N, C-alpha and C. Protein backbone atom coordinates (compact mmCIF):
# COMPACT_ATOMS: atom_id res chain seq x y z
N MET A 1 -115.76 81.36 -115.11
CA MET A 1 -116.01 81.77 -116.48
C MET A 1 -117.47 81.46 -116.84
N ILE A 2 -118.01 82.29 -117.71
CA ILE A 2 -119.41 82.14 -118.11
C ILE A 2 -119.45 81.91 -119.62
N PRO A 3 -119.77 80.68 -120.07
CA PRO A 3 -119.87 80.44 -121.51
C PRO A 3 -121.23 80.89 -122.04
N ILE A 4 -121.21 81.78 -123.03
CA ILE A 4 -122.43 82.24 -123.69
C ILE A 4 -122.16 82.19 -125.19
N ASP A 5 -122.87 81.34 -125.90
CA ASP A 5 -122.70 81.18 -127.35
C ASP A 5 -121.21 81.01 -127.68
N ASN A 6 -120.68 81.87 -128.53
CA ASN A 6 -119.27 81.75 -128.94
C ASN A 6 -118.35 82.66 -128.12
N THR A 7 -118.73 82.89 -126.85
CA THR A 7 -117.92 83.72 -125.96
C THR A 7 -117.68 83.00 -124.64
N ILE A 8 -116.58 83.35 -124.01
CA ILE A 8 -116.30 82.95 -122.63
C ILE A 8 -116.13 84.26 -121.87
N VAL A 9 -117.05 84.51 -120.95
CA VAL A 9 -117.10 85.78 -120.23
C VAL A 9 -116.47 85.61 -118.84
N SER A 10 -115.57 86.49 -118.50
CA SER A 10 -114.93 86.46 -117.18
C SER A 10 -115.96 86.69 -116.09
N ASP A 11 -115.82 85.95 -114.98
CA ASP A 11 -116.68 86.16 -113.82
C ASP A 11 -116.60 87.59 -113.30
N ASN A 12 -115.49 88.26 -113.57
CA ASN A 12 -115.31 89.65 -113.12
C ASN A 12 -116.43 90.57 -113.58
N LEU A 13 -117.01 90.30 -114.75
CA LEU A 13 -118.07 91.17 -115.25
C LEU A 13 -119.29 91.15 -114.33
N ALA A 14 -119.50 90.01 -113.66
CA ALA A 14 -120.61 89.90 -112.72
C ALA A 14 -120.23 90.34 -111.31
N GLU A 15 -118.97 90.15 -110.96
CA GLU A 15 -118.55 90.36 -109.57
C GLU A 15 -118.06 91.78 -109.28
N ILE A 16 -117.40 92.40 -110.23
CA ILE A 16 -116.82 93.73 -110.01
C ILE A 16 -117.89 94.80 -110.17
N LYS A 17 -117.91 95.72 -109.24
CA LYS A 17 -118.80 96.88 -109.33
C LYS A 17 -118.01 98.00 -110.00
N PHE A 18 -118.64 98.65 -111.00
CA PHE A 18 -117.89 99.60 -111.82
C PHE A 18 -118.83 100.60 -112.48
N VAL A 19 -118.58 101.88 -112.29
CA VAL A 19 -119.28 102.96 -113.00
C VAL A 19 -118.27 104.08 -113.22
N CYS A 20 -118.00 104.42 -114.48
CA CYS A 20 -117.03 105.47 -114.78
C CYS A 20 -117.35 106.74 -113.99
N ASP A 21 -116.30 107.43 -113.59
CA ASP A 21 -116.42 108.68 -112.85
C ASP A 21 -115.48 109.70 -113.50
N LEU A 22 -115.94 110.29 -114.61
CA LEU A 22 -115.09 111.17 -115.42
C LEU A 22 -114.55 112.37 -114.65
N LYS A 23 -115.29 112.83 -113.66
CA LYS A 23 -114.80 113.97 -112.88
C LYS A 23 -113.51 113.61 -112.14
N LYS A 24 -113.37 112.34 -111.81
CA LYS A 24 -112.19 111.89 -111.06
C LYS A 24 -111.08 111.39 -111.99
N CYS A 25 -111.43 110.57 -112.98
CA CYS A 25 -110.38 109.96 -113.82
C CYS A 25 -109.98 110.86 -114.99
N LYS A 26 -110.85 111.82 -115.33
CA LYS A 26 -110.57 112.78 -116.41
C LYS A 26 -110.45 112.12 -117.80
N GLY A 27 -111.04 110.92 -117.95
CA GLY A 27 -110.97 110.24 -119.25
C GLY A 27 -109.58 109.72 -119.56
N ALA A 28 -108.86 109.30 -118.52
CA ALA A 28 -107.47 108.87 -118.69
C ALA A 28 -107.31 107.71 -119.67
N CYS A 29 -108.33 106.89 -119.84
CA CYS A 29 -108.21 105.75 -120.77
C CYS A 29 -108.05 106.22 -122.21
N CYS A 30 -108.41 107.47 -122.50
CA CYS A 30 -108.22 108.04 -123.85
C CYS A 30 -106.83 108.66 -124.02
N VAL A 31 -106.09 108.73 -122.92
CA VAL A 31 -104.81 109.44 -122.92
C VAL A 31 -103.64 108.53 -122.59
N GLU A 32 -103.82 107.65 -121.62
CA GLU A 32 -102.74 106.78 -121.14
C GLU A 32 -102.61 105.54 -122.02
N GLY A 33 -101.46 104.91 -121.96
CA GLY A 33 -101.27 103.62 -122.64
C GLY A 33 -100.24 103.69 -123.75
N ASP A 34 -99.78 102.52 -124.13
CA ASP A 34 -98.74 102.41 -125.16
C ASP A 34 -99.28 102.48 -126.58
N PHE A 35 -100.56 102.14 -126.75
CA PHE A 35 -101.19 102.12 -128.06
C PHE A 35 -102.57 102.73 -127.97
N GLY A 36 -103.14 103.03 -129.14
CA GLY A 36 -104.50 103.53 -129.19
C GLY A 36 -105.50 102.42 -128.91
N ALA A 37 -106.77 102.76 -129.02
CA ALA A 37 -107.85 101.80 -128.77
C ALA A 37 -107.94 100.79 -129.90
N PRO A 38 -108.20 99.52 -129.58
CA PRO A 38 -108.37 98.52 -130.63
C PRO A 38 -109.51 98.89 -131.58
N LEU A 39 -109.30 98.61 -132.86
CA LEU A 39 -110.30 98.86 -133.90
C LEU A 39 -110.64 97.57 -134.62
N LEU A 40 -111.91 97.37 -134.92
CA LEU A 40 -112.31 96.30 -135.82
C LEU A 40 -112.03 96.77 -137.24
N GLU A 41 -111.73 95.85 -138.12
CA GLU A 41 -111.40 96.23 -139.49
C GLU A 41 -112.52 97.05 -140.13
N GLU A 42 -113.77 96.66 -139.89
CA GLU A 42 -114.89 97.38 -140.50
C GLU A 42 -115.04 98.80 -139.94
N GLU A 43 -114.54 99.04 -138.73
CA GLU A 43 -114.62 100.38 -138.15
C GLU A 43 -113.70 101.36 -138.86
N ILE A 44 -112.61 100.88 -139.41
CA ILE A 44 -111.68 101.75 -140.12
C ILE A 44 -112.38 102.43 -141.29
N GLY A 45 -113.12 101.67 -142.07
CA GLY A 45 -113.86 102.23 -143.20
C GLY A 45 -114.92 103.23 -142.76
N LEU A 46 -115.59 102.94 -141.65
CA LEU A 46 -116.62 103.87 -141.15
C LEU A 46 -115.99 105.20 -140.74
N ILE A 47 -114.84 105.14 -140.09
CA ILE A 47 -114.15 106.37 -139.70
C ILE A 47 -113.64 107.10 -140.93
N GLU A 48 -113.03 106.38 -141.85
CA GLU A 48 -112.52 107.01 -143.08
C GLU A 48 -113.63 107.69 -143.86
N ASP A 49 -114.79 107.04 -143.94
CA ASP A 49 -115.92 107.62 -144.68
C ASP A 49 -116.40 108.93 -144.08
N ASP A 50 -116.31 109.06 -142.76
CA ASP A 50 -116.87 110.23 -142.07
C ASP A 50 -115.81 111.15 -141.46
N ILE A 51 -114.55 110.97 -141.81
CA ILE A 51 -113.49 111.73 -141.14
C ILE A 51 -113.66 113.24 -141.29
N GLU A 52 -114.17 113.71 -142.42
CA GLU A 52 -114.31 115.16 -142.61
C GLU A 52 -115.36 115.77 -141.69
N VAL A 53 -116.40 114.99 -141.32
CA VAL A 53 -117.40 115.52 -140.38
C VAL A 53 -116.98 115.30 -138.93
N ILE A 54 -115.99 114.44 -138.71
CA ILE A 54 -115.45 114.22 -137.37
C ILE A 54 -114.38 115.26 -137.03
N LYS A 55 -113.61 115.69 -138.03
CA LYS A 55 -112.49 116.62 -137.79
C LYS A 55 -112.87 117.88 -137.02
N PRO A 56 -114.03 118.51 -137.25
CA PRO A 56 -114.35 119.72 -136.48
C PRO A 56 -114.41 119.49 -134.96
N PHE A 57 -114.52 118.24 -134.54
CA PHE A 57 -114.58 117.92 -133.11
C PHE A 57 -113.22 117.52 -132.55
N MET A 58 -112.21 117.46 -133.41
CA MET A 58 -110.87 117.01 -133.02
C MET A 58 -109.96 118.19 -132.68
N THR A 59 -108.87 117.89 -132.00
CA THR A 59 -107.85 118.90 -131.75
C THR A 59 -107.03 119.09 -133.03
N GLU A 60 -106.33 120.20 -133.10
CA GLU A 60 -105.44 120.45 -134.24
C GLU A 60 -104.37 119.36 -134.35
N ALA A 61 -103.82 118.97 -133.20
CA ALA A 61 -102.79 117.92 -133.20
C ALA A 61 -103.36 116.58 -133.66
N GLY A 62 -104.59 116.29 -133.26
CA GLY A 62 -105.25 115.06 -133.69
C GLY A 62 -105.47 115.04 -135.20
N ILE A 63 -105.90 116.17 -135.74
CA ILE A 63 -106.12 116.28 -137.19
C ILE A 63 -104.80 116.09 -137.94
N LYS A 64 -103.74 116.73 -137.45
CA LYS A 64 -102.42 116.57 -138.09
C LYS A 64 -101.98 115.11 -138.09
N THR A 65 -102.20 114.43 -136.97
CA THR A 65 -101.84 113.01 -136.87
C THR A 65 -102.60 112.18 -137.89
N ILE A 66 -103.90 112.41 -137.99
CA ILE A 66 -104.73 111.66 -138.94
C ILE A 66 -104.31 111.98 -140.38
N ASP A 67 -104.06 113.25 -140.65
CA ASP A 67 -103.65 113.64 -142.00
C ASP A 67 -102.31 113.01 -142.39
N LEU A 68 -101.41 112.88 -141.43
CA LEU A 68 -100.09 112.29 -141.70
C LEU A 68 -100.11 110.77 -141.78
N TYR A 69 -100.83 110.13 -140.86
CA TYR A 69 -100.73 108.68 -140.71
C TYR A 69 -102.00 107.90 -141.03
N GLY A 70 -103.13 108.59 -141.20
CA GLY A 70 -104.39 107.89 -141.43
C GLY A 70 -105.15 107.68 -140.14
N VAL A 71 -106.30 107.02 -140.24
CA VAL A 71 -107.19 106.88 -139.08
C VAL A 71 -106.88 105.67 -138.22
N PHE A 72 -105.87 104.88 -138.60
CA PHE A 72 -105.51 103.72 -137.78
C PHE A 72 -104.01 103.51 -137.77
N ASP A 73 -103.58 102.72 -136.79
CA ASP A 73 -102.18 102.32 -136.64
C ASP A 73 -102.21 100.84 -136.29
N TYR A 74 -101.06 100.29 -135.95
CA TYR A 74 -100.96 98.89 -135.54
C TYR A 74 -100.32 98.81 -134.16
N ASP A 75 -100.78 97.86 -133.34
CA ASP A 75 -100.11 97.64 -132.07
C ASP A 75 -98.98 96.63 -132.26
N PHE A 76 -98.33 96.23 -131.17
CA PHE A 76 -97.16 95.35 -131.26
C PHE A 76 -97.47 93.99 -131.87
N SER A 77 -98.74 93.57 -131.83
CA SER A 77 -99.10 92.27 -132.40
C SER A 77 -99.71 92.39 -133.79
N GLY A 78 -99.69 93.61 -134.35
CA GLY A 78 -100.21 93.82 -135.69
C GLY A 78 -101.70 94.05 -135.77
N GLU A 79 -102.35 94.27 -134.63
CA GLU A 79 -103.79 94.54 -134.61
C GLU A 79 -104.03 96.03 -134.88
N PHE A 80 -105.19 96.33 -135.45
CA PHE A 80 -105.56 97.72 -135.73
C PHE A 80 -105.88 98.46 -134.43
N VAL A 81 -105.39 99.70 -134.32
CA VAL A 81 -105.67 100.57 -133.18
C VAL A 81 -105.80 102.01 -133.68
N THR A 82 -106.39 102.86 -132.85
CA THR A 82 -106.44 104.29 -133.19
C THR A 82 -105.03 104.86 -133.07
N PRO A 83 -104.69 105.85 -133.89
CA PRO A 83 -103.36 106.47 -133.78
C PRO A 83 -103.27 107.36 -132.55
N LEU A 84 -102.04 107.57 -132.09
CA LEU A 84 -101.79 108.44 -130.95
C LEU A 84 -101.12 109.73 -131.40
N VAL A 85 -101.37 110.80 -130.67
CA VAL A 85 -100.71 112.08 -130.90
C VAL A 85 -99.40 112.07 -130.11
N ASN A 86 -98.29 112.05 -130.80
CA ASN A 86 -96.96 112.06 -130.16
C ASN A 86 -96.81 110.99 -129.08
N GLY A 87 -97.40 109.82 -129.31
CA GLY A 87 -97.28 108.72 -128.36
C GLY A 87 -98.08 108.91 -127.08
N CYS A 88 -98.99 109.88 -127.06
CA CYS A 88 -99.78 110.15 -125.85
C CYS A 88 -101.25 109.85 -126.09
N GLU A 89 -102.08 110.89 -126.15
CA GLU A 89 -103.52 110.68 -126.25
C GLU A 89 -103.94 110.17 -127.62
N CYS A 90 -105.10 109.55 -127.65
CA CYS A 90 -105.72 109.11 -128.90
C CYS A 90 -105.91 110.32 -129.80
N ALA A 91 -105.70 110.14 -131.09
CA ALA A 91 -105.87 111.24 -132.05
C ALA A 91 -107.30 111.77 -132.05
N PHE A 92 -108.26 110.96 -131.60
CA PHE A 92 -109.66 111.38 -131.58
C PHE A 92 -110.08 111.97 -130.23
N ALA A 93 -109.14 112.10 -129.30
CA ALA A 93 -109.45 112.69 -127.99
C ALA A 93 -109.44 114.21 -128.10
N ASN A 94 -110.39 114.82 -127.42
CA ASN A 94 -110.41 116.27 -127.26
C ASN A 94 -110.65 116.52 -125.78
N PHE A 95 -110.55 117.76 -125.35
CA PHE A 95 -110.58 118.03 -123.92
C PHE A 95 -111.45 119.24 -123.60
N THR A 96 -112.21 119.12 -122.50
CA THR A 96 -112.96 120.22 -121.92
C THR A 96 -112.68 120.18 -120.43
N ASP A 97 -112.19 121.28 -119.88
CA ASP A 97 -111.84 121.34 -118.45
C ASP A 97 -110.95 120.16 -118.04
N ASP A 98 -109.97 119.86 -118.88
CA ASP A 98 -109.00 118.78 -118.64
C ASP A 98 -109.61 117.38 -118.63
N VAL A 99 -110.84 117.23 -119.10
CA VAL A 99 -111.47 115.91 -119.21
C VAL A 99 -111.48 115.51 -120.68
N ALA A 100 -110.93 114.32 -120.97
CA ALA A 100 -110.90 113.83 -122.35
C ALA A 100 -112.27 113.33 -122.77
N TRP A 101 -112.62 113.58 -124.01
CA TRP A 101 -113.83 113.04 -124.60
C TRP A 101 -113.54 112.67 -126.05
N CYS A 102 -114.42 111.86 -126.63
CA CYS A 102 -114.17 111.31 -127.97
C CYS A 102 -114.79 112.19 -129.05
N ALA A 103 -113.97 112.63 -129.99
CA ALA A 103 -114.45 113.46 -131.10
C ALA A 103 -115.43 112.69 -131.98
N ILE A 104 -115.20 111.40 -132.15
CA ILE A 104 -116.13 110.59 -132.95
C ILE A 104 -117.49 110.56 -132.28
N GLU A 105 -117.51 110.35 -130.97
CA GLU A 105 -118.78 110.31 -130.25
C GLU A 105 -119.48 111.66 -130.26
N LYS A 106 -118.72 112.75 -130.16
CA LYS A 106 -119.33 114.09 -130.23
C LYS A 106 -119.96 114.32 -131.61
N ALA A 107 -119.29 113.84 -132.66
CA ALA A 107 -119.85 113.95 -134.01
C ALA A 107 -121.14 113.13 -134.12
N TYR A 108 -121.15 111.96 -133.49
CA TYR A 108 -122.34 111.10 -133.45
C TYR A 108 -123.48 111.82 -132.72
N GLU A 109 -123.17 112.39 -131.56
CA GLU A 109 -124.19 113.10 -130.78
C GLU A 109 -124.72 114.32 -131.52
N ALA A 110 -123.89 114.92 -132.36
CA ALA A 110 -124.31 116.07 -133.17
C ALA A 110 -125.11 115.63 -134.40
N GLY A 111 -125.19 114.33 -134.64
CA GLY A 111 -125.98 113.82 -135.75
C GLY A 111 -125.29 113.86 -137.10
N VAL A 112 -123.97 114.04 -137.13
CA VAL A 112 -123.27 114.14 -138.42
C VAL A 112 -122.63 112.82 -138.85
N THR A 113 -122.64 111.82 -137.98
CA THR A 113 -122.18 110.48 -138.34
C THR A 113 -123.07 109.46 -137.64
N ARG A 114 -123.20 108.29 -138.26
CA ARG A 114 -123.99 107.21 -137.64
C ARG A 114 -123.10 106.27 -136.83
N PHE A 115 -121.78 106.49 -136.89
CA PHE A 115 -120.83 105.66 -136.15
C PHE A 115 -120.57 106.30 -134.80
N ARG A 116 -120.90 105.60 -133.72
CA ARG A 116 -120.81 106.19 -132.38
C ARG A 116 -119.38 106.39 -131.91
N LYS A 117 -118.60 105.34 -131.92
CA LYS A 117 -117.18 105.33 -131.56
C LYS A 117 -116.73 103.89 -131.64
N PRO A 118 -115.43 103.62 -131.61
CA PRO A 118 -115.00 102.22 -131.65
C PRO A 118 -115.64 101.42 -130.52
N VAL A 119 -116.10 100.22 -130.86
CA VAL A 119 -116.78 99.40 -129.85
C VAL A 119 -115.85 99.08 -128.69
N SER A 120 -114.54 99.00 -128.94
CA SER A 120 -113.60 98.73 -127.84
C SER A 120 -113.61 99.86 -126.81
N CYS A 121 -113.82 101.09 -127.27
CA CYS A 121 -113.91 102.23 -126.35
C CYS A 121 -115.22 102.18 -125.56
N HIS A 122 -116.29 101.83 -126.26
CA HIS A 122 -117.61 101.73 -125.64
C HIS A 122 -117.60 100.64 -124.56
N LEU A 123 -116.85 99.57 -124.80
CA LEU A 123 -116.78 98.43 -123.88
C LEU A 123 -115.79 98.60 -122.73
N TYR A 124 -114.91 99.59 -122.81
CA TYR A 124 -113.85 99.67 -121.81
C TYR A 124 -114.43 99.83 -120.41
N PRO A 125 -113.96 99.09 -119.40
CA PRO A 125 -112.70 98.37 -119.25
C PRO A 125 -112.73 96.90 -119.65
N VAL A 126 -113.70 96.51 -120.46
CA VAL A 126 -113.70 95.14 -120.97
C VAL A 126 -112.89 95.11 -122.26
N ARG A 127 -112.08 94.09 -122.39
CA ARG A 127 -111.32 93.86 -123.62
C ARG A 127 -111.70 92.49 -124.16
N ILE A 128 -111.83 92.40 -125.46
CA ILE A 128 -112.19 91.15 -126.13
C ILE A 128 -110.98 90.62 -126.88
N SER A 129 -110.66 89.37 -126.62
CA SER A 129 -109.59 88.68 -127.35
C SER A 129 -110.24 87.59 -128.19
N THR A 130 -110.07 87.67 -129.49
CA THR A 130 -110.66 86.67 -130.37
C THR A 130 -109.72 85.49 -130.47
N ARG A 131 -110.23 84.33 -130.11
CA ARG A 131 -109.49 83.08 -130.22
C ARG A 131 -109.98 82.35 -131.47
N GLN A 132 -109.51 81.13 -131.67
CA GLN A 132 -109.87 80.39 -132.88
C GLN A 132 -111.38 80.15 -132.98
N SER A 133 -112.01 79.76 -131.87
CA SER A 133 -113.42 79.40 -131.93
C SER A 133 -114.31 80.19 -130.98
N PHE A 134 -113.75 81.17 -130.29
CA PHE A 134 -114.56 81.95 -129.35
C PHE A 134 -113.90 83.29 -129.06
N ASP A 135 -114.69 84.19 -128.46
CA ASP A 135 -114.18 85.46 -127.95
C ASP A 135 -114.03 85.34 -126.44
N ALA A 136 -112.89 85.76 -125.92
CA ALA A 136 -112.68 85.86 -124.48
C ALA A 136 -113.04 87.29 -124.08
N VAL A 137 -114.02 87.42 -123.21
CA VAL A 137 -114.52 88.73 -122.77
C VAL A 137 -114.02 88.95 -121.35
N ASN A 138 -113.00 89.81 -121.20
CA ASN A 138 -112.31 89.96 -119.92
C ASN A 138 -112.28 91.40 -119.44
N TYR A 139 -112.24 91.52 -118.12
CA TYR A 139 -112.06 92.81 -117.47
C TYR A 139 -110.57 93.17 -117.52
N HIS A 140 -110.26 94.39 -117.96
CA HIS A 140 -108.89 94.88 -117.99
C HIS A 140 -108.69 95.77 -116.77
N GLU A 141 -107.95 95.27 -115.81
CA GLU A 141 -107.71 96.04 -114.58
C GLU A 141 -106.60 97.04 -114.81
N TRP A 142 -106.88 98.30 -114.49
CA TRP A 142 -105.91 99.37 -114.70
C TRP A 142 -106.13 100.41 -113.60
N GLY A 143 -105.07 100.85 -112.96
CA GLY A 143 -105.16 101.78 -111.83
C GLY A 143 -105.90 103.06 -112.13
N ILE A 144 -105.88 103.50 -113.38
CA ILE A 144 -106.57 104.75 -113.72
C ILE A 144 -108.08 104.65 -113.52
N CYS A 145 -108.60 103.41 -113.43
CA CYS A 145 -110.04 103.21 -113.26
C CYS A 145 -110.45 103.03 -111.80
N ARG A 146 -109.54 103.27 -110.89
CA ARG A 146 -109.88 103.13 -109.47
C ARG A 146 -111.10 103.96 -109.08
N PRO A 147 -111.24 105.21 -109.54
CA PRO A 147 -112.45 105.97 -109.20
C PRO A 147 -113.74 105.28 -109.66
N ALA A 148 -113.68 104.57 -110.78
CA ALA A 148 -114.87 103.86 -111.28
C ALA A 148 -115.22 102.67 -110.39
N LEU A 149 -114.21 102.03 -109.82
CA LEU A 149 -114.45 100.92 -108.90
C LEU A 149 -115.11 101.43 -107.62
N ILE A 150 -114.62 102.56 -107.13
CA ILE A 150 -115.20 103.17 -105.93
C ILE A 150 -116.63 103.60 -106.21
N ASN A 151 -116.85 104.25 -107.34
CA ASN A 151 -118.19 104.71 -107.72
C ASN A 151 -119.14 103.54 -107.92
N GLY A 152 -118.68 102.50 -108.60
CA GLY A 152 -119.51 101.32 -108.84
C GLY A 152 -119.90 100.63 -107.55
N LYS A 153 -118.95 100.53 -106.62
CA LYS A 153 -119.24 99.92 -105.32
C LYS A 153 -120.25 100.76 -104.55
N ARG A 154 -120.07 102.07 -104.59
CA ARG A 154 -121.00 102.99 -103.90
C ARG A 154 -122.41 102.85 -104.46
N LEU A 155 -122.51 102.70 -105.79
CA LEU A 155 -123.82 102.61 -106.45
C LEU A 155 -124.34 101.17 -106.53
N GLY A 156 -123.47 100.19 -106.29
CA GLY A 156 -123.88 98.78 -106.33
C GLY A 156 -124.17 98.27 -107.73
N ILE A 157 -123.46 98.79 -108.73
CA ILE A 157 -123.73 98.41 -110.12
C ILE A 157 -122.61 97.51 -110.65
N PRO A 158 -122.95 96.26 -111.00
CA PRO A 158 -121.92 95.38 -111.56
C PRO A 158 -121.50 95.82 -112.96
N LEU A 159 -120.30 95.45 -113.33
CA LEU A 159 -119.71 95.86 -114.60
C LEU A 159 -120.59 95.49 -115.79
N TYR A 160 -121.15 94.28 -115.81
CA TYR A 160 -121.95 93.87 -116.96
C TYR A 160 -123.20 94.74 -117.12
N LYS A 161 -123.74 95.27 -116.03
CA LYS A 161 -124.90 96.17 -116.14
C LYS A 161 -124.47 97.55 -116.60
N PHE A 162 -123.34 98.02 -116.09
CA PHE A 162 -122.82 99.32 -116.54
C PHE A 162 -122.56 99.30 -118.05
N LEU A 163 -122.10 98.17 -118.56
CA LEU A 163 -121.76 98.05 -119.98
C LEU A 163 -122.87 97.42 -120.83
N LYS A 164 -124.08 97.39 -120.32
CA LYS A 164 -125.19 96.73 -121.02
C LYS A 164 -125.31 97.20 -122.47
N GLU A 165 -125.38 98.49 -122.69
CA GLU A 165 -125.55 99.03 -124.04
C GLU A 165 -124.40 98.61 -124.96
N ALA A 166 -123.18 98.69 -124.45
CA ALA A 166 -122.01 98.33 -125.26
C ALA A 166 -121.97 96.83 -125.54
N LEU A 167 -122.30 96.01 -124.55
CA LEU A 167 -122.32 94.56 -124.76
C LEU A 167 -123.39 94.17 -125.77
N ILE A 168 -124.54 94.82 -125.70
CA ILE A 168 -125.60 94.57 -126.69
C ILE A 168 -125.14 95.02 -128.07
N ARG A 169 -124.49 96.15 -128.14
CA ARG A 169 -123.96 96.63 -129.42
C ARG A 169 -123.02 95.60 -130.04
N ARG A 170 -122.19 94.97 -129.23
CA ARG A 170 -121.20 94.02 -129.74
C ARG A 170 -121.79 92.64 -130.03
N TYR A 171 -122.66 92.15 -129.12
CA TYR A 171 -123.12 90.76 -129.24
C TYR A 171 -124.63 90.59 -129.43
N GLY A 172 -125.41 91.64 -129.24
CA GLY A 172 -126.85 91.56 -129.46
C GLY A 172 -127.65 91.36 -128.17
N LYS A 173 -128.96 91.64 -128.27
CA LYS A 173 -129.85 91.56 -127.11
C LYS A 173 -130.02 90.13 -126.60
N THR A 174 -130.12 89.18 -127.53
CA THR A 174 -130.30 87.79 -127.12
C THR A 174 -129.11 87.31 -126.31
N TRP A 175 -127.91 87.61 -126.78
CA TRP A 175 -126.69 87.24 -126.06
C TRP A 175 -126.70 87.87 -124.67
N TYR A 176 -127.03 89.16 -124.59
CA TYR A 176 -127.01 89.84 -123.29
C TYR A 176 -128.04 89.22 -122.35
N SER A 177 -129.21 88.89 -122.87
CA SER A 177 -130.24 88.25 -122.04
C SER A 177 -129.75 86.93 -121.47
N LYS A 178 -129.04 86.16 -122.29
CA LYS A 178 -128.47 84.89 -121.82
C LYS A 178 -127.44 85.14 -120.72
N LEU A 179 -126.61 86.15 -120.90
CA LEU A 179 -125.61 86.50 -119.88
C LEU A 179 -126.30 86.88 -118.58
N GLU A 180 -127.28 87.74 -118.68
CA GLU A 180 -128.01 88.20 -117.50
C GLU A 180 -128.68 87.03 -116.78
N LYS A 181 -129.30 86.14 -117.54
CA LYS A 181 -129.97 84.97 -116.96
C LYS A 181 -128.97 84.07 -116.24
N GLU A 182 -127.83 83.82 -116.87
CA GLU A 182 -126.80 82.97 -116.26
C GLU A 182 -126.26 83.59 -114.97
N ILE A 183 -126.03 84.89 -114.98
CA ILE A 183 -125.53 85.57 -113.78
C ILE A 183 -126.57 85.52 -112.67
N ASN A 184 -127.84 85.76 -113.02
CA ASN A 184 -128.91 85.70 -112.02
C ASN A 184 -129.04 84.30 -111.43
N THR A 185 -128.92 83.27 -112.27
CA THR A 185 -128.98 81.88 -111.80
C THR A 185 -127.84 81.61 -110.83
N ARG A 186 -126.64 82.04 -111.18
CA ARG A 186 -125.48 81.83 -110.30
C ARG A 186 -125.65 82.58 -108.98
N ASN A 187 -126.18 83.80 -109.05
CA ASN A 187 -126.39 84.58 -107.82
C ASN A 187 -127.43 83.92 -106.92
N THR A 188 -128.48 83.36 -107.52
CA THR A 188 -129.52 82.67 -106.75
C THR A 188 -128.93 81.45 -106.05
N LYS A 189 -128.10 80.70 -106.76
CA LYS A 189 -127.45 79.52 -106.17
C LYS A 189 -126.54 79.92 -105.01
N LYS A 190 -125.82 81.02 -105.17
CA LYS A 190 -124.94 81.50 -104.09
C LYS A 190 -125.76 81.88 -102.86
N ASP A 191 -126.91 82.56 -103.11
CA ASP A 191 -127.77 83.00 -102.01
C ASP A 191 -128.37 81.81 -101.26
N GLN A 192 -128.63 80.72 -101.97
CA GLN A 192 -129.24 79.54 -101.36
C GLN A 192 -128.22 78.66 -100.65
N ALA A 193 -126.95 78.86 -100.95
CA ALA A 193 -125.91 78.01 -100.35
C ALA A 193 -125.62 78.37 -98.91
């Protein structure tokens, strides 16, 4: 484990090689699973504020789900998550050539919202569990990401580097620099051993 400020980071972020391969996985993380993506409470308001400019990028079924149930749901532990369409894909998922993509992110790329997408989606396959005095930053192993493990190994890119932008978005540049420094120090010690 790697302690950085108020976080405990799993060694997996430094050790596992990972780069998403959408051509192979087809964005399955937006479709598979029992619940939608975790949402921070403040993200709910951002989505609600911009839902009308996000809707043109959504599927008809996704819009119906949002209109019926709102922009969030709850998981089994009472945490906020994105709603699902008929228990399947995220209400904000849309598809091109059978590849899922995020309607919120497409709206962001089009310049109609300043909210990129839920930070949990940006961070995936990392999941953050908030404890009493710290955040546990862990790799979520899931078979649907096997193509990303193969791609990451082929490219030699560790998970923390692949997720640099998302980790900075969540914890800031200073935090990321500390993480990078600690990982480099550990790697140097391993090389010298």
